[in-house]
Amino acid sequence: MNFKLTRFAPTPSGYLHLGNLYSFLVTKALAEETGAKILLRIDDLDRERYRTEYVQDIFDTLDFMEISYDVGPKTVQEFEQEWSQIHRMNNYLEALDKIRERKLVFACDCTRKKIQQLDSSGYYLGHCQVRNIPLERAETCWRMDTFDTDFIKIKTYFEGDKSYVLPEDSAFFIVRKKDKLPSYQLTSVVDDVTYGVDLIVRGNDLLGSTLDQQIVANGLDLTSFQEAIFHHHQLLKGPKKKKLSKSEGATSIQFLRKEGKKPSDIYQILGEMIGSQEPWIDFESFKKHLVI
């Protein structure tokens, strides 16, 4: 298969960790295999957690690990002036208007505490559908109505077309937050369509997001996203087999750099964490022994 464009899509909400790096490297490997160019798309609409030092860390990490990309910003200043999601806000608002016009959403004013009280699983089960809350009421979010959602089909890189049932923790997802800003599930779809991304590589933990985003794309008739190819790779696990987190500083690339680790050391750590039978010392050995 040949593709036009894939992407790295980090969020500047913390310093990048080994899991982020692993995803970048899998993306780069598939890009080289398929002829796709790589876009650096930094998702920065979570303004409460946004820090310029986190954006700089993205550039520093890519530079340190000698990971190149073809499209996107090269500096913090260039990112903020030309590439920030703030500059694409009209695209997101237009998508929200269409979703509203097509009656695909309902308003919800539930807090996390209330959701937990309503169901001990902590999953939101859609009870606000029947409350008919006005969409413009203050302190409400917009949730996608997924009540009648059947099987969701996605095109995968290794297994062709696959169908999934929407899991409970992905149902009735938010497309507009209480602060009236669009959510990640909407902005990611709009951005991928805007830039023409046709190969999307992400961790297994984001399969639910992929299904949610297919629902958004279906609702908005965004054919290019519906036709995109997905690959969900295995995750690196930290101590006690837990998913890596940006809050755990010891797995951050910045921490390892400051400890004096070289790129070859970091490749070796990645190989050990993933359980590779052969040592990784550089990108070529990563590709040769990668099981994705």
C-alpha atoms as a PDB file:
ATOM      1  CA  MET A   1       0.000   0.000   0.000  1.00  0.00           C
ATOM      2  CA  ASN A   2       1.092   3.549  -0.702  1.00  0.00           C
ATOM      3  CA  PHE A   3      -0.022   6.614   1.232  1.00  0.00           C
ATOM      4  CA  LYS A   4       0.327  10.366   0.903  1.00  0.00           C
ATOM      5  CA  LEU A   5       0.521  11.549   4.492  1.00  0.00           C
ATOM      6  CA  THR A   6       0.695  10.281   8.048  1.00  0.00           C
ATOM      7  CA  ARG A   7       1.299  12.283  11.206  1.00  0.00           C
ATOM      8  CA  PHE A   8       2.845  12.670  14.619  1.00  0.00           C
ATOM      9  CA  ALA A   9       0.151  14.273  16.824  1.00  0.00           C
ATOM     10  CA  PRO A  10       1.527  14.931  20.326  1.00  0.00           C
ATOM     11  CA  THR A  11      -0.200  17.139  22.889  1.00  0.00           C
ATOM     12  CA  PRO A  12       1.913  19.763  24.725  1.00  0.00           C
ATOM     13  CA  SER A  13       0.528  18.820  28.137  1.00  0.00           C
ATOM     14  CA  GLY A  14       3.716  17.342  29.560  1.00  0.00           C
ATOM     15  CA  TYR A  15       7.183  16.172  28.557  1.00  0.00           C
ATOM     16  CA  LEU A  16       7.180  13.398  25.959  1.00  0.00           C
ATOM     17  CA  HIS A  17       7.780   9.915  27.345  1.00  0.00           C
ATOM     18  CA  LEU A  18       9.046   6.655  25.894  1.00  0.00           C
ATOM     19  CA  GLY A  19       5.528   5.655  24.826  1.00  0.00           C
ATOM     20  CA  ASN A  20       5.199   8.796  22.705  1.00  0.00           C
ATOM     21  CA  LEU A  21       8.594   8.105  21.163  1.00  0.00           C
ATOM     22  CA  TYR A  22       7.681   4.505  20.386  1.00  0.00           C
ATOM     23  CA  SER A  23       4.550   5.690  18.561  1.00  0.00           C
ATOM     24  CA  PHE A  24       6.621   8.210  16.564  1.00  0.00           C
ATOM     25  CA  LEU A  25       9.045   5.454  15.550  1.00  0.00           C
ATOM     26  CA  VAL A  26       6.288   3.031  14.491  1.00  0.00           C
ATOM     27  CA  THR A  27       4.757   5.854  12.441  1.00  0.00           C
ATOM     28  CA  LYS A  28       8.113   6.634  10.833  1.00  0.00           C
ATOM     29  CA  ALA A  29       8.690   2.954  10.023  1.00  0.00           C
ATOM     30  CA  LEU A  30       5.305   2.631   8.299  1.00  0.00           C
ATOM     31  CA  ALA A  31       5.818   5.946   6.508  1.00  0.00           C
ATOM     32  CA  GLU A  32       9.097   4.689   5.040  1.00  0.00           C
ATOM     33  CA  GLU A  33       7.472   1.396   4.074  1.00  0.00           C
ATOM     34  CA  THR A  34       4.562   3.059   2.280  1.00  0.00           C
ATOM     35  CA  GLY A  35       6.100   6.267   0.898  1.00  0.00           C
ATOM     36  CA  ALA A  36       3.992   8.520   3.115  1.00  0.00           C
ATOM     37  CA  LYS A  37       5.246  11.935   4.141  1.00  0.00           C
ATOM     38  CA  ILE A  38       4.999  12.862   7.819  1.00  0.00           C
ATOM     39  CA  LEU A  39       3.135  15.848   9.273  1.00  0.00           C
ATOM     40  CA  LEU A  40       3.956  17.162  12.745  1.00  0.00           C
ATOM     41  CA  ARG A  41       0.553  18.187  14.120  1.00  0.00           C
ATOM     42  CA  ILE A  42       0.644  19.469  17.690  1.00  0.00           C
ATOM     43  CA  ASP A  43      -2.781  19.323  19.401  1.00  0.00           C
ATOM     44  CA  ASP A  44      -2.827  22.356  21.693  1.00  0.00           C
ATOM     45  CA  LEU A  45      -6.477  23.221  22.365  1.00  0.00           C
ATOM     46  CA  ASP A  46      -6.194  22.106  25.999  1.00  0.00           C
ATOM     47  CA  ARG A  47      -5.105  25.607  26.959  1.00  0.00           C
ATOM     48  CA  GLU A  48      -5.100  24.960  30.693  1.00  0.00           C
ATOM     49  CA  ARG A  49      -2.267  22.444  30.331  1.00  0.00           C
ATOM     50  CA  TYR A  50      -0.454  24.120  27.436  1.00  0.00           C
ATOM     51  CA  ARG A  51       3.130  25.221  28.111  1.00  0.00           C
ATOM     52  CA  THR A  52       5.652  26.508  25.589  1.00  0.00           C
ATOM     53  CA  GLU A  53       8.330  24.357  27.251  1.00  0.00           C
ATOM     54  CA  TYR A  54       6.278  21.274  26.376  1.00  0.00           C
ATOM     55  CA  VAL A  55       6.159  22.369  22.723  1.00  0.00           C
ATOM     56  CA  GLN A  56       9.908  22.950  22.768  1.00  0.00           C
ATOM     57  CA  ASP A  57      10.341  19.465  24.242  1.00  0.00           C
ATOM     58  CA  ILE A  58       8.642  17.983  21.170  1.00  0.00           C
ATOM     59  CA  PHE A  59      11.195  19.628  18.876  1.00  0.00           C
ATOM     60  CA  ASP A  60      14.066  18.724  21.215  1.00  0.00           C
ATOM     61  CA  THR A  61      13.015  15.067  21.377  1.00  0.00           C
ATOM     62  CA  LEU A  62      12.635  14.702  17.613  1.00  0.00           C
ATOM     63  CA  ASP A  63      15.993  16.411  17.078  1.00  0.00           C
ATOM     64  CA  PHE A  64      17.765  14.325  19.752  1.00  0.00           C
ATOM     65  CA  MET A  65      16.441  11.065  18.308  1.00  0.00           C
ATOM     66  CA  GLU A  66      17.103  12.269  14.736  1.00  0.00           C
ATOM     67  CA  ILE A  67      13.496  11.761  13.683  1.00  0.00           C
ATOM     68  CA  SER A  68      12.669  13.927  10.686  1.00  0.00           C
ATOM     69  CA  TYR A  69       9.286  14.993   9.331  1.00  0.00           C
ATOM     70  CA  ASP A  70       8.197  16.631   6.097  1.00  0.00           C
ATOM     71  CA  VAL A  71       5.424  19.066   7.005  1.00  0.00           C
ATOM     72  CA  GLY A  72       4.871  21.232  10.069  1.00  0.00           C
ATOM     73  CA  PRO A  73       6.541  23.787  12.343  1.00  0.00           C
ATOM     74  CA  LYS A  74      10.223  23.775  13.227  1.00  0.00           C
ATOM     75  CA  THR A  75      10.172  26.175  16.200  1.00  0.00           C
ATOM     76  CA  VAL A  76       7.811  27.215  19.003  1.00  0.00           C
ATOM     77  CA  GLN A  77       7.379  30.645  17.404  1.00  0.00           C
ATOM     78  CA  GLU A  78       6.523  29.156  14.014  1.00  0.00           C
ATOM     79  CA  PHE A  79       4.080  26.774  15.677  1.00  0.00           C
ATOM     80  CA  GLU A  80       2.263  29.506  17.592  1.00  0.00           C
ATOM     81  CA  GLN A  81       2.125  31.898  14.634  1.00  0.00           C
ATOM     82  CA  GLU A  82       1.111  29.458  11.903  1.00  0.00           C
ATOM     83  CA  TRP A  83       0.335  25.925  13.079  1.00  0.00           C
ATOM     84  CA  SER A  84      -1.553  26.142  16.378  1.00  0.00           C
ATOM     85  CA  GLN A  85      -5.062  24.685  16.389  1.00  0.00           C
ATOM     86  CA  ILE A  86      -6.280  28.152  17.379  1.00  0.00           C
ATOM     87  CA  HIS A  87      -5.782  29.166  13.733  1.00  0.00           C
ATOM     88  CA  ARG A  88      -8.179  26.427  12.613  1.00  0.00           C
ATOM     89  CA  MET A  89     -10.970  27.303  15.039  1.00  0.00           C
ATOM     90  CA  ASN A  90     -13.352  28.327  12.239  1.00  0.00           C
ATOM     91  CA  ASN A  91     -13.032  24.818  10.763  1.00  0.00           C
ATOM     92  CA  TYR A  92     -14.049  23.274  14.082  1.00  0.00           C
ATOM     93  CA  LEU A  93     -16.941  25.693  14.623  1.00  0.00           C
ATOM     94  CA  GLU A  94     -18.280  24.956  11.140  1.00  0.00           C
ATOM     95  CA  ALA A  95     -18.194  21.244  11.934  1.00  0.00           C
ATOM     96  CA  LEU A  96     -20.033  21.844  15.226  1.00  0.00           C
ATOM     97  CA  ASP A  97     -22.674  23.884  13.395  1.00  0.00           C
ATOM     98  CA  LYS A  98     -23.271  21.004  10.974  1.00  0.00           C
ATOM     99  CA  ILE A  99     -23.490  18.502  13.815  1.00  0.00           C
ATOM    100  CA  ARG A 100     -26.047  20.712  15.524  1.00  0.00           C
ATOM    101  CA  GLU A 101     -28.064  21.249  12.329  1.00  0.00           C
ATOM    102  CA  ARG A 102     -28.203  17.502  11.753  1.00  0.00           C
ATOM    103  CA  LYS A 103     -29.424  16.922  15.328  1.00  0.00           C
ATOM    104  CA  LEU A 104     -26.583  14.546  16.134  1.00  0.00           C
ATOM    105  CA  VAL A 105     -25.930  15.891  19.641  1.00  0.00           C
ATOM    106  CA  PHE A 106     -27.667  16.570  22.935  1.00  0.00           C
ATOM    107  CA  ALA A 107     -26.728  18.846  25.827  1.00  0.00           C
ATOM    108  CA  CYS A 108     -25.440  17.499  29.127  1.00  0.00           C
ATOM    109  CA  ASP A 109     -24.693  19.350  32.368  1.00  0.00           C
ATOM    110  CA  CYS A 110     -23.492  16.344  34.376  1.00  0.00           C
ATOM    111  CA  THR A 111     -20.396  16.586  36.527  1.00  0.00           C
ATOM    112  CA  ARG A 112     -17.992  13.669  36.940  1.00  0.00           C
ATOM    113  CA  LYS A 113     -19.337  13.169  40.446  1.00  0.00           C
ATOM    114  CA  LYS A 114     -22.904  12.927  39.190  1.00  0.00           C
ATOM    115  CA  ILE A 115     -21.916  10.460  36.445  1.00  0.00           C
ATOM    116  CA  GLN A 116     -20.222   8.279  39.063  1.00  0.00           C
ATOM    117  CA  GLN A 117     -23.338   8.433  41.255  1.00  0.00           C
ATOM    118  CA  LEU A 118     -25.581   7.436  38.343  1.00  0.00           C
ATOM    119  CA  ASP A 119     -23.459   4.410  37.465  1.00  0.00           C
ATOM    120  CA  SER A 120     -20.656   2.908  39.541  1.00  0.00           C
ATOM    121  CA  SER A 121     -18.695   2.087  36.379  1.00  0.00           C
ATOM    122  CA  GLY A 122     -18.099   5.803  35.897  1.00  0.00           C
ATOM    123  CA  TYR A 123     -19.317   5.530  32.303  1.00  0.00           C
ATOM    124  CA  TYR A 124     -21.805   8.075  31.031  1.00  0.00           C
ATOM    125  CA  LEU A 125     -24.870   6.173  29.813  1.00  0.00           C
ATOM    126  CA  GLY A 126     -26.731   8.920  27.982  1.00  0.00           C
ATOM    127  CA  HIS A 127     -29.531   9.791  30.391  1.00  0.00           C
ATOM    128  CA  CYS A 128     -29.508  13.491  29.381  1.00  0.00           C
ATOM    129  CA  GLN A 129     -30.924  12.537  25.986  1.00  0.00           C
ATOM    130  CA  VAL A 130     -34.449  12.697  27.396  1.00  0.00           C
ATOM    131  CA  ARG A 131     -33.908  15.858  29.467  1.00  0.00           C
ATOM    132  CA  ASN A 132     -34.025  18.155  26.425  1.00  0.00           C
ATOM    133  CA  ILE A 133     -31.555  20.655  27.845  1.00  0.00           C
ATOM    134  CA  PRO A 134     -31.115  23.648  25.493  1.00  0.00           C
ATOM    135  CA  LEU A 135     -27.813  23.353  23.648  1.00  0.00           C
ATOM    136  CA  GLU A 136     -26.846  26.921  24.499  1.00  0.00           C
ATOM    137  CA  ARG A 137     -27.468  26.678  28.240  1.00  0.00           C
ATOM    138  CA  ALA A 138     -24.411  27.732  30.243  1.00  0.00           C
ATOM    139  CA  GLU A 139     -22.167  25.034  31.723  1.00  0.00           C
ATOM    140  CA  THR A 140     -23.315  22.324  29.347  1.00  0.00           C
ATOM    141  CA  CYS A 141     -21.343  20.186  26.941  1.00  0.00           C
ATOM    142  CA  TRP A 142     -22.529  18.631  23.696  1.00  0.00           C
ATOM    143  CA  ARG A 143     -22.495  14.854  23.520  1.00  0.00           C
ATOM    144  CA  MET A 144     -22.817  12.792  20.360  1.00  0.00           C
ATOM    145  CA  ASP A 145     -25.959  10.683  20.310  1.00  0.00           C
ATOM    146  CA  THR A 146     -24.606   7.158  19.876  1.00  0.00           C
ATOM    147  CA  PHE A 147     -27.701   5.327  21.154  1.00  0.00           C
ATOM    148  CA  ASP A 148     -28.508   3.704  17.804  1.00  0.00           C
ATOM    149  CA  THR A 149     -24.900   3.171  16.740  1.00  0.00           C
ATOM    150  CA  ASP A 150     -24.418  -0.258  15.210  1.00  0.00           C
ATOM    151  CA  PHE A 151     -21.120  -1.843  14.179  1.00  0.00           C
ATOM    152  CA  ILE A 152     -18.427   0.687  13.320  1.00  0.00           C
ATOM    153  CA  LYS A 153     -16.155  -0.215  10.436  1.00  0.00           C
ATOM    154  CA  ILE A 154     -12.561   0.930  10.079  1.00  0.00           C
ATOM    155  CA  LYS A 155      -9.910   0.082   7.513  1.00  0.00           C
ATOM    156  CA  THR A 156      -6.788  -1.355   9.121  1.00  0.00           C
ATOM    157  CA  TYR A 157      -3.249  -1.626   7.782  1.00  0.00           C
ATOM    158  CA  PHE A 158      -2.652  -5.308   8.479  1.00  0.00           C
ATOM    159  CA  GLU A 159      -6.126  -6.845   8.747  1.00  0.00           C
ATOM    160  CA  GLY A 160      -8.236  -5.026   6.178  1.00  0.00           C
ATOM    161  CA  ASP A 161     -11.770  -3.918   7.065  1.00  0.00           C
ATOM    162  CA  LYS A 162     -12.774  -4.609  10.663  1.00  0.00           C
ATOM    163  CA  SER A 163     -16.014  -3.996  12.567  1.00  0.00           C
ATOM    164  CA  TYR A 164     -16.294  -3.039  16.212  1.00  0.00           C
ATOM    165  CA  VAL A 165     -19.055  -2.511  18.743  1.00  0.00           C
ATOM    166  CA  LEU A 166     -18.687   0.840  20.502  1.00  0.00           C
ATOM    167  CA  PRO A 167     -17.486   0.185  24.085  1.00  0.00           C
ATOM    168  CA  GLU A 168     -19.376   1.780  26.969  1.00  0.00           C
ATOM    169  CA  ASP A 169     -16.516   4.111  27.846  1.00  0.00           C
ATOM    170  CA  SER A 170     -16.594   5.561  24.314  1.00  0.00           C
ATOM    171  CA  ALA A 171     -20.366   6.031  24.025  1.00  0.00           C
ATOM    172  CA  PHE A 172     -22.010   9.470  24.106  1.00  0.00           C
ATOM    173  CA  PHE A 173     -18.637  11.178  23.758  1.00  0.00           C
ATOM    174  CA  ILE A 174     -18.205  14.948  24.011  1.00  0.00           C
ATOM    175  CA  VAL A 175     -17.743  17.060  20.866  1.00  0.00           C
ATOM    176  CA  ARG A 176     -18.080  20.481  22.527  1.00  0.00           C
ATOM    177  CA  LYS A 177     -16.855  21.022  26.071  1.00  0.00           C
ATOM    178  CA  LYS A 178     -18.481  23.123  28.779  1.00  0.00           C
ATOM    179  CA  ASP A 179     -16.106  25.996  27.946  1.00  0.00           C
ATOM    180  CA  LYS A 180     -17.596  25.883  24.405  1.00  0.00           C
ATOM    181  CA  LEU A 181     -14.307  24.718  22.886  1.00  0.00           C
ATOM    182  CA  PRO A 182     -14.405  21.759  20.504  1.00  0.00           C
ATOM    183  CA  SER A 183     -13.190  18.449  21.901  1.00  0.00           C
ATOM    184  CA  TYR A 184     -10.300  16.291  20.751  1.00  0.00           C
ATOM    185  CA  GLN A 185     -12.606  13.775  19.072  1.00  0.00           C
ATOM    186  CA  LEU A 186     -13.864  16.496  16.739  1.00  0.00           C
ATOM    187  CA  THR A 187     -10.677  18.503  16.177  1.00  0.00           C
ATOM    188  CA  SER A 188      -8.599  15.432  15.356  1.00  0.00           C
ATOM    189  CA  VAL A 189     -10.993  14.402  12.590  1.00  0.00           C
ATOM    190  CA  VAL A 190     -11.231  17.913  11.147  1.00  0.00           C
ATOM    191  CA  ASP A 191      -7.439  18.335  11.193  1.00  0.00           C
ATOM    192  CA  ASP A 192      -6.762  14.991   9.522  1.00  0.00           C
ATOM    193  CA  VAL A 193      -9.248  15.861   6.782  1.00  0.00           C
ATOM    194  CA  THR A 194      -7.849  19.405   6.427  1.00  0.00           C
ATOM    195  CA  TYR A 195      -4.295  18.166   5.899  1.00  0.00           C
ATOM    196  CA  GLY A 196      -5.184  15.094   3.853  1.00  0.00           C
ATOM    197  CA  VAL A 197      -3.921  12.436   6.268  1.00  0.00           C
ATOM    198  CA  ASP A 198      -4.647   8.957   4.920  1.00  0.00           C
ATOM    199  CA  LEU A 199      -2.570   6.782   7.298  1.00  0.00           C
ATOM    200  CA  ILE A 200      -3.227   7.123  11.043  1.00  0.00           C
ATOM    201  CA  VAL A 201      -0.950   5.326  13.497  1.00  0.00           C
ATOM    202  CA  ARG A 202      -1.785   5.321  17.209  1.00  0.00           C
ATOM    203  CA  GLY A 203      -1.664   3.098  20.291  1.00  0.00           C
ATOM    204  CA  ASN A 204      -4.163   0.357  21.111  1.00  0.00           C
ATOM    205  CA  ASP A 205      -5.452   2.568  23.926  1.00  0.00           C
ATOM    206  CA  LEU A 206      -6.888   4.955  21.324  1.00  0.00           C
ATOM    207  CA  LEU A 207      -9.048   2.419  19.485  1.00  0.00           C
ATOM    208  CA  GLY A 208     -12.090   3.881  21.275  1.00  0.00           C
ATOM    209  CA  SER A 209     -11.117   7.333  19.999  1.00  0.00           C
ATOM    210  CA  THR A 210     -10.848   5.958  16.466  1.00  0.00           C
ATOM    211  CA  LEU A 211     -14.394   4.579  16.722  1.00  0.00           C
ATOM    212  CA  ASP A 212     -15.708   7.878  18.107  1.00  0.00           C
ATOM    213  CA  GLN A 213     -13.980   9.788  15.346  1.00  0.00           C
ATOM    214  CA  GLN A 214     -15.486   7.517  12.714  1.00  0.00           C
ATOM    215  CA  ILE A 215     -18.905   8.421  14.121  1.00  0.00           C
ATOM    216  CA  VAL A 216     -18.028  12.116  13.751  1.00  0.00           C
ATOM    217  CA  ALA A 217     -16.786  11.567  10.202  1.00  0.00           C
ATOM    218  CA  ASN A 218     -19.900   9.575   9.279  1.00  0.00           C
ATOM    219  CA  GLY A 219     -22.139  12.296  10.707  1.00  0.00           C
ATOM    220  CA  LEU A 220     -20.335  14.984   8.719  1.00  0.00           C
ATOM    221  CA  ASP A 221     -19.919  12.921   5.506  1.00  0.00           C
ATOM    222  CA  LEU A 222     -16.126  13.243   5.709  1.00  0.00           C
ATOM    223  CA  THR A 223     -15.326  10.505   3.223  1.00  0.00           C
ATOM    224  CA  SER A 224     -11.549  10.933   3.307  1.00  0.00           C
ATOM    225  CA  PHE A 225     -11.451  10.101   7.025  1.00  0.00           C
ATOM    226  CA  GLN A 226     -13.791   7.154   6.541  1.00  0.00           C
ATOM    227  CA  GLU A 227     -11.409   5.834   3.876  1.00  0.00           C
ATOM    228  CA  ALA A 228      -8.216   6.421   5.876  1.00  0.00           C
ATOM    229  CA  ILE A 229      -6.174   3.404   6.981  1.00  0.00           C
ATOM    230  CA  PHE A 230      -5.500   2.853  10.706  1.00  0.00           C
ATOM    231  CA  HIS A 231      -2.873   0.968  12.613  1.00  0.00           C
ATOM    232  CA  HIS A 232      -3.177   0.574  16.391  1.00  0.00           C
ATOM    233  CA  HIS A 233       0.145  -0.576  17.797  1.00  0.00           C
ATOM    234  CA  GLN A 234       0.927  -2.312  21.080  1.00  0.00           C
ATOM    235  CA  LEU A 235       1.750  -0.143  24.076  1.00  0.00           C
ATOM    236  CA  LEU A 236       4.889   0.155  26.122  1.00  0.00           C
ATOM    237  CA  LYS A 237       4.212  -0.700  29.740  1.00  0.00           C
ATOM    238  CA  GLY A 238       5.940   0.768  32.776  1.00  0.00           C
ATOM    239  CA  PRO A 239       6.320  -0.678  36.273  1.00  0.00           C
ATOM    240  CA  LYS A 240       3.526  -3.099  37.251  1.00  0.00           C
ATOM    241  CA  LYS A 241       2.550  -3.260  33.552  1.00  0.00           C
ATOM    242  CA  LYS A 242       0.833   0.121  33.741  1.00  0.00           C
ATOM    243  CA  LYS A 243       0.423   2.385  30.730  1.00  0.00           C
ATOM    244  CA  LEU A 244       3.066   5.106  30.621  1.00  0.00           C
ATOM    245  CA  SER A 245       2.007   8.582  31.693  1.00  0.00           C
ATOM    246  CA  LYS A 246       3.456  12.046  31.141  1.00  0.00           C
ATOM    247  CA  SER A 247       3.222  12.570  34.895  1.00  0.00           C
ATOM    248  CA  GLU A 248       5.824   9.837  35.454  1.00  0.00           C
ATOM    249  CA  GLY A 249       9.013  11.801  34.891  1.00  0.00           C
ATOM    250  CA  ALA A 250      11.410   8.852  34.907  1.00  0.00           C
ATOM    251  CA  THR A 251      10.150   7.684  31.515  1.00  0.00           C
ATOM    252  CA  SER A 252      10.377  11.138  29.889  1.00  0.00           C
ATOM    253  CA  ILE A 253      12.919  11.593  27.120  1.00  0.00           C
ATOM    254  CA  GLN A 254      14.003  14.847  28.743  1.00  0.00           C
ATOM    255  CA  PHE A 255      14.803  13.021  32.016  1.00  0.00           C
ATOM    256  CA  LEU A 256      16.800  10.355  30.172  1.00  0.00           C
ATOM    257  CA  ARG A 257      18.722  12.988  28.190  1.00  0.00           C
ATOM    258  CA  LYS A 258      19.645  14.815  31.385  1.00  0.00           C
ATOM    259  CA  GLU A 259      20.843  11.501  32.820  1.00  0.00           C
ATOM    260  CA  GLY A 260      23.311  11.332  29.957  1.00  0.00           C
ATOM    261  CA  LYS A 261      21.529   8.699  27.898  1.00  0.00           C
ATOM    262  CA  LYS A 262      22.321   8.626  24.178  1.00  0.00           C
ATOM    263  CA  PRO A 263      19.863   7.697  21.411  1.00  0.00           C
ATOM    264  CA  SER A 264      21.370   4.191  21.280  1.00  0.00           C
ATOM    265  CA  ASP A 265      20.677   3.793  25.011  1.00  0.00           C
ATOM    266  CA  ILE A 266      17.069   4.836  24.524  1.00  0.00           C
ATOM    267  CA  TYR A 267      16.598   2.385  21.647  1.00  0.00           C
ATOM    268  CA  GLN A 268      17.940  -0.325  23.929  1.00  0.00           C
ATOM    269  CA  ILE A 269      15.477   0.636  26.683  1.00  0.00           C
ATOM    270  CA  LEU A 270      12.604   0.556  24.182  1.00  0.00           C
ATOM    271  CA  GLY A 271      13.619  -2.893  22.965  1.00  0.00           C
ATOM    272  CA  GLU A 272      13.769  -4.242  26.495  1.00  0.00           C
ATOM    273  CA  MET A 273      10.380  -2.745  27.393  1.00  0.00           C
ATOM    274  CA  ILE A 274       8.703  -4.216  24.332  1.00  0.00           C
ATOM    275  CA  GLY A 275      10.316  -7.610  24.922  1.00  0.00           C
ATOM    276  CA  SER A 276      12.392  -7.756  21.743  1.00  0.00           C
ATOM    277  CA  GLN A 277      14.606 -10.849  21.475  1.00  0.00           C
ATOM    278  CA  GLU A 278      17.225  -8.818  19.601  1.00  0.00           C
ATOM    279  CA  PRO A 279      18.936  -5.632  20.857  1.00  0.00           C
ATOM    280  CA  TRP A 280      17.883  -2.289  19.421  1.00  0.00           C
ATOM    281  CA  ILE A 281      20.640   0.283  18.950  1.00  0.00           C
ATOM    282  CA  ASP A 282      19.290   2.550  16.219  1.00  0.00           C
ATOM    283  CA  PHE A 283      16.318   3.075  13.928  1.00  0.00           C
ATOM    284  CA  GLU A 284      17.434   0.406  11.464  1.00  0.00           C
ATOM    285  CA  SER A 285      17.574  -2.272  14.159  1.00  0.00           C
ATOM    286  CA  PHE A 286      14.249  -0.981  15.497  1.00  0.00           C
ATOM    287  CA  LYS A 287      12.655  -1.518  12.072  1.00  0.00           C
ATOM    288  CA  LYS A 288      14.322  -4.897  11.549  1.00  0.00           C
ATOM    289  CA  HIS A 289      13.044  -6.427  14.777  1.00  0.00           C
ATOM    290  CA  LEU A 290       9.849  -4.461  15.219  1.00  0.00           C
ATOM    291  CA  VAL A 291       6.696  -6.480  15.861  1.00  0.00           C
ATOM    292  CA  ILE A 292       3.798  -4.091  15.393  1.00  0.00           C
END
